[in-house]
């Protein structure tokens, strides 16, 4: 395990699991760095054919660790550090540009990046207790990881407004109906199923698979442009008193 990320290899498939159950797998900067390293190695090694993301301890991830996030955001908000250099931003860029099959096994909470990363996966499997939530606006922030573009494309604008503007959570059944989740499995079978599907992808003729995947995703230009817009808006939001007040209210509620 590295910095709260449990890494395993099973044949041509690499598994990376959020493993900080005492904090509901909330993601720290060190965890993002570990994930970036996993993605880099998976891209470089030709015998790795797919990557699986999951969570340990009954939850996928509660999103960013707020204390850690605020500490890292202080420099970005003050202008002394470019938010694009932050580990979370670099992970999102790596996630969106990853060229090999990506599979997610989601159970329990999938908050913030826990939901938005699913838009970049080729296959997403969930347990019945999975709960997806994108509460960015509630925290005085804007969507990230291209969600402001990808959610309306996947769900339609009306449903995307429920989940991004009203910031309402949604369950596994809804996620499957809207095309975010491929199948709902018993929690005990979830990871094994995701690993088997990843192995099936990794066993396909590699060149044909990667070209087909790229063609299905079409021109990456609009997504990259939207992500740049989101980062600029996110950075501006971080500097606002509105976001700071929302974060403090969240922390007070979480600790009280």
Protein backbone atom coordinates (compact mmCIF):
# COMPACT_ATOMS: atom_id res chain seq x y z
CA UNK A 1 0.00 0.00 0.00
CA UNK A 2 1.22 3.50 -0.81
CA UNK A 3 -0.09 6.65 0.93
CA UNK A 4 -3.62 5.35 1.41
CA UNK A 5 -3.81 3.63 -1.98
CA UNK A 6 -3.70 -0.17 -2.07
CA UNK A 7 -2.12 -1.35 -5.31
CA UNK A 8 -2.36 -4.89 -6.62
CA UNK A 9 -1.52 -6.64 -9.85
CA UNK A 10 -3.50 -9.56 -11.27
CA UNK A 11 -2.10 -10.61 -14.62
CA UNK A 12 -2.61 -7.76 -17.08
CA UNK A 13 -4.85 -5.80 -14.69
CA UNK A 14 -3.76 -3.31 -12.03
CA UNK A 15 -6.10 -2.54 -9.15
CA UNK A 16 -5.84 0.71 -7.17
CA UNK A 17 -8.10 0.99 -4.11
CA UNK A 18 -8.72 4.00 -1.91
CA UNK A 19 -7.68 2.62 1.48
CA UNK A 20 -8.24 5.13 4.25
CA UNK A 21 -11.41 3.70 5.78
CA UNK A 22 -11.09 5.61 9.05
CA UNK A 23 -11.70 8.78 6.99
CA UNK A 24 -14.21 7.21 4.58
CA UNK A 25 -11.40 7.06 2.00
CA UNK A 26 -11.25 10.86 1.76
CA UNK A 27 -8.46 11.65 -0.69
CA UNK A 28 -5.32 13.53 0.36
CA UNK A 29 -2.66 15.11 -1.84
CA UNK A 30 -0.38 12.16 -1.11
CA UNK A 31 -3.10 9.77 -2.32
CA UNK A 32 -3.50 11.75 -5.53
CA UNK A 33 0.27 11.57 -6.08
CA UNK A 34 0.15 7.79 -5.57
CA UNK A 35 -2.70 7.47 -8.07
CA UNK A 36 -0.84 9.57 -10.65
CA UNK A 37 2.12 7.22 -10.25
CA UNK A 38 -0.15 4.18 -10.76
CA UNK A 39 -1.63 5.69 -13.93
CA UNK A 40 1.83 6.61 -15.24
CA UNK A 41 3.16 3.09 -14.72
CA UNK A 42 0.06 1.53 -16.29
CA UNK A 43 0.54 3.70 -19.39
CA UNK A 44 4.25 2.91 -19.67
CA UNK A 45 4.12 -0.86 -19.18
CA UNK A 46 2.90 -2.61 -22.34
CA UNK A 47 1.83 -5.76 -20.48
CA UNK A 48 -0.71 -3.83 -18.41
CA UNK A 49 -4.02 -3.84 -20.24
CA UNK A 50 -6.51 -2.25 -17.83
CA UNK A 51 -6.81 -0.41 -14.53
CA UNK A 52 -9.50 -0.89 -11.86
CA UNK A 53 -10.41 1.72 -9.23
CA UNK A 54 -12.20 0.68 -6.04
CA UNK A 55 -12.52 1.52 -2.36
CA UNK A 56 -11.80 -0.40 0.83
CA UNK A 57 -13.84 -0.59 4.01
CA UNK A 58 -17.40 -0.29 2.71
CA UNK A 59 -17.03 3.01 0.87
CA UNK A 60 -15.64 4.17 -2.48
CA UNK A 61 -14.53 7.66 -1.44
CA UNK A 62 -16.00 10.60 0.45
CA UNK A 63 -14.18 12.91 -1.98
CA UNK A 64 -11.38 15.29 -1.06
CA UNK A 65 -10.10 15.40 2.50
CA UNK A 66 -11.33 18.90 3.36
CA UNK A 67 -8.55 19.79 5.81
CA UNK A 68 -5.89 18.64 3.37
CA UNK A 69 -7.68 20.31 0.47
CA UNK A 70 -7.92 23.65 2.27
CA UNK A 71 -4.26 23.54 3.19
CA UNK A 72 -3.32 23.00 -0.45
CA UNK A 73 -5.86 25.50 -1.72
CA UNK A 74 -4.52 28.37 0.38
CA UNK A 75 -1.58 28.89 -1.96
CA UNK A 76 -3.77 28.67 -5.05
CA UNK A 77 -6.27 31.16 -3.64
CA UNK A 78 -3.49 33.62 -2.74
CA UNK A 79 -1.95 33.34 -6.19
CA UNK A 80 1.35 31.93 -4.91
CA UNK A 81 0.63 28.55 -6.45
CA UNK A 82 -1.04 27.59 -9.74
CA UNK A 83 -3.99 25.32 -9.03
CA UNK A 84 -3.04 23.34 -12.16
CA UNK A 85 0.04 22.14 -10.28
CA UNK A 86 -2.01 20.76 -7.38
CA UNK A 87 -2.04 16.95 -7.14
CA UNK A 88 -5.84 16.84 -7.51
CA UNK A 89 -5.68 18.86 -10.75
CA UNK A 90 -2.89 16.73 -12.16
CA UNK A 91 -4.80 13.57 -11.30
CA UNK A 92 -7.91 14.84 -13.09
CA UNK A 93 -5.81 15.62 -16.17
CA UNK A 94 -4.24 12.16 -16.03
CA UNK A 95 -7.65 10.54 -15.58
CA UNK A 96 -9.15 12.30 -18.61
CA UNK A 97 -6.17 11.52 -20.83
CA UNK A 98 -5.62 7.90 -19.79
CA UNK A 99 -5.44 5.76 -22.93
CA UNK A 100 -6.08 2.27 -21.55
CA UNK A 101 -9.38 0.77 -20.33
CA UNK A 102 -10.49 2.07 -16.96
CA UNK A 103 -13.02 0.27 -14.76
CA UNK A 104 -14.58 1.37 -11.46
CA UNK A 105 -16.12 -0.76 -8.70
CA UNK A 106 -18.25 1.57 -6.58
CA UNK A 107 -19.87 0.80 -3.25
CA UNK A 108 -21.02 3.09 -0.46
CA UNK A 109 -20.35 6.80 -0.83
CA UNK A 110 -18.96 8.21 -4.06
CA UNK A 111 -18.71 11.93 -3.38
CA UNK A 112 -17.24 14.65 -5.61
CA UNK A 113 -14.35 13.15 -7.56
CA UNK A 114 -15.74 9.75 -6.53
CA UNK A 115 -18.61 10.42 -8.93
CA UNK A 116 -16.94 12.58 -11.57
CA UNK A 117 -14.17 10.06 -12.20
CA UNK A 118 -16.87 7.59 -13.27
CA UNK A 119 -17.58 9.72 -16.35
CA UNK A 120 -14.08 8.84 -17.58
CA UNK A 121 -14.39 5.09 -16.98
CA UNK A 122 -15.20 2.62 -19.72
CA UNK A 123 -17.14 0.37 -17.33
CA UNK A 124 -18.64 1.17 -13.92
CA UNK A 125 -20.07 -1.47 -11.62
CA UNK A 126 -21.83 -0.64 -8.36
CA UNK A 127 -23.29 -2.31 -5.32
CA UNK A 128 -26.89 -1.60 -4.34
CA UNK A 129 -25.75 0.70 -1.52
CA UNK A 130 -23.72 2.99 -3.80
CA UNK A 131 -24.60 6.67 -3.44
CA UNK A 132 -23.33 9.22 -5.95
CA UNK A 133 -23.08 12.89 -5.00
CA UNK A 134 -21.56 16.00 -6.62
CA UNK A 135 -21.97 18.71 -3.94
CA UNK A 136 -19.63 21.29 -5.49
CA UNK A 137 -22.12 24.16 -5.53
CA UNK A 138 -23.01 23.49 -1.88
CA UNK A 139 -19.35 24.20 -1.05
CA UNK A 140 -19.26 27.40 -3.09
CA UNK A 141 -17.33 25.66 -5.88
CA UNK A 142 -17.95 24.56 -9.46
CA UNK A 143 -17.89 21.07 -11.01
CA UNK A 144 -14.56 19.51 -11.96
CA UNK A 145 -13.13 16.72 -14.12
CA UNK A 146 -15.22 17.91 -17.05
CA UNK A 147 -18.48 17.09 -15.25
CA UNK A 148 -20.14 20.32 -16.42
CA UNK A 149 -19.82 18.97 -19.98
CA UNK A 150 -20.02 15.21 -19.42
CA UNK A 151 -23.00 15.09 -17.04
CA UNK A 152 -25.40 16.90 -19.44
CA UNK A 153 -24.14 14.75 -22.33
CA UNK A 154 -24.70 11.55 -20.35
CA UNK A 155 -27.87 12.43 -18.43
CA UNK A 156 -29.50 15.28 -20.35
CA UNK A 157 -29.53 18.84 -19.01
CA UNK A 158 -32.57 18.42 -16.75
CA UNK A 159 -31.11 15.50 -14.78
CA UNK A 160 -27.64 17.08 -14.78
CA UNK A 161 -29.20 20.16 -13.17
CA UNK A 162 -30.58 17.99 -10.36
CA UNK A 163 -27.18 16.55 -9.64
CA UNK A 164 -24.91 19.55 -10.29
CA UNK A 165 -27.05 22.60 -9.44
CA UNK A 166 -29.36 21.21 -6.76
CA UNK A 167 -26.51 18.87 -5.82
CA UNK A 168 -28.92 16.04 -5.07
CA UNK A 169 -27.42 12.59 -4.46
CA UNK A 170 -28.58 9.62 -6.50
CA UNK A 171 -28.53 5.88 -5.95
CA UNK A 172 -27.19 2.94 -7.94
CA UNK A 173 -30.52 2.22 -9.64
CA UNK A 174 -30.72 5.80 -10.91
CA UNK A 175 -27.09 5.68 -12.03
CA UNK A 176 -27.81 2.54 -14.02
CA UNK A 177 -30.97 3.99 -15.58
CA UNK A 178 -29.02 7.07 -16.68
CA UNK A 179 -26.16 5.07 -18.16
CA UNK A 180 -23.44 5.85 -15.63
CA UNK A 181 -23.40 2.31 -14.20
CA UNK A 182 -23.27 -0.88 -16.28
CA UNK A 183 -24.55 -3.31 -13.65
CA UNK A 184 -25.42 -3.58 -9.97
CA UNK A 185 -23.79 -6.46 -8.09
CA UNK A 186 -23.83 -7.81 -4.54
CA UNK A 187 -21.05 -6.09 -2.61
CA UNK A 188 -19.32 -9.42 -2.04
CA UNK A 189 -19.06 -9.99 -5.79
CA UNK A 190 -18.45 -6.42 -6.92
CA UNK A 191 -14.66 -6.21 -7.10
CA UNK A 192 -14.24 -9.70 -8.54
CA UNK A 193 -16.75 -8.86 -11.28
CA UNK A 194 -14.99 -5.58 -12.09
CA UNK A 195 -11.62 -7.35 -12.21
CA UNK A 196 -12.98 -10.06 -14.50
CA UNK A 197 -14.38 -7.49 -16.93
CA UNK A 198 -11.10 -5.58 -16.85
CA UNK A 199 -9.25 -8.81 -17.59
CA UNK A 200 -11.60 -9.44 -20.52
CA UNK A 201 -10.76 -6.01 -21.90
CA UNK A 202 -7.04 -6.54 -21.37
CA UNK A 203 -7.22 -9.83 -23.29
CA UNK A 204 -8.64 -8.21 -26.45
CA UNK A 205 -6.34 -7.40 -29.38
CA UNK A 206 -4.66 -4.36 -27.86
CA UNK A 207 -4.29 -2.05 -30.85
CA UNK A 208 -7.86 -2.58 -32.05
CA UNK A 209 -9.23 -2.06 -28.55
CA UNK A 210 -7.35 1.18 -27.94
CA UNK A 211 -8.28 2.61 -31.33
CA UNK A 212 -11.95 1.67 -30.82
CA UNK A 213 -11.87 3.30 -27.37
CA UNK A 214 -10.35 6.47 -28.79
CA UNK A 215 -12.89 6.64 -31.61
CA UNK A 216 -15.79 6.19 -29.17
CA UNK A 217 -14.53 9.15 -27.16
CA UNK A 218 -14.19 11.28 -30.32
CA UNK A 219 -12.37 14.63 -30.30
CA UNK A 220 -10.86 15.32 -26.85
CA UNK A 221 -10.58 19.03 -27.62
CA UNK A 222 -13.94 20.15 -26.20
CA UNK A 223 -13.37 18.18 -22.99
CA UNK A 224 -9.89 19.65 -22.50
CA UNK A 225 -11.22 23.15 -23.15
CA UNK A 226 -14.07 22.67 -20.67
CA UNK A 227 -11.70 21.33 -18.03
CA UNK A 228 -9.55 24.45 -18.45
CA UNK A 229 -12.64 26.60 -17.94
CA UNK A 230 -13.58 24.60 -14.85
CA UNK A 231 -10.10 24.96 -13.35
CA UNK A 232 -10.14 28.74 -13.87
CA UNK A 233 -13.61 29.02 -12.32
CA UNK A 234 -12.64 26.65 -9.49
CA UNK A 235 -9.58 28.75 -8.70
CA UNK A 236 -11.67 31.92 -8.60
CA UNK A 237 -14.23 30.23 -6.35
CA UNK A 238 -11.52 29.14 -3.92
CA UNK A 239 -10.58 32.78 -3.38
CA UNK A 240 -14.15 33.75 -2.51
CA UNK A 241 -15.49 34.34 0.98
CA UNK A 242 -18.53 32.31 -0.04
CA UNK A 243 -16.49 29.15 -0.53
CA UNK A 244 -14.49 29.72 2.66
CA UNK A 245 -17.71 30.12 4.66
CA UNK A 246 -19.17 26.98 3.09
CA UNK A 247 -16.05 24.99 3.93
CA UNK A 248 -16.02 26.24 7.51
CA UNK A 249 -19.71 25.34 7.91
CA UNK A 250 -19.02 21.89 6.52
CA UNK A 251 -16.07 21.33 8.85
CA UNK A 252 -18.04 22.57 11.85
CA UNK A 253 -20.85 20.15 11.04
CA UNK A 254 -18.46 17.26 10.42
CA UNK A 255 -16.57 17.83 13.66
CA UNK A 256 -19.52 18.86 15.79
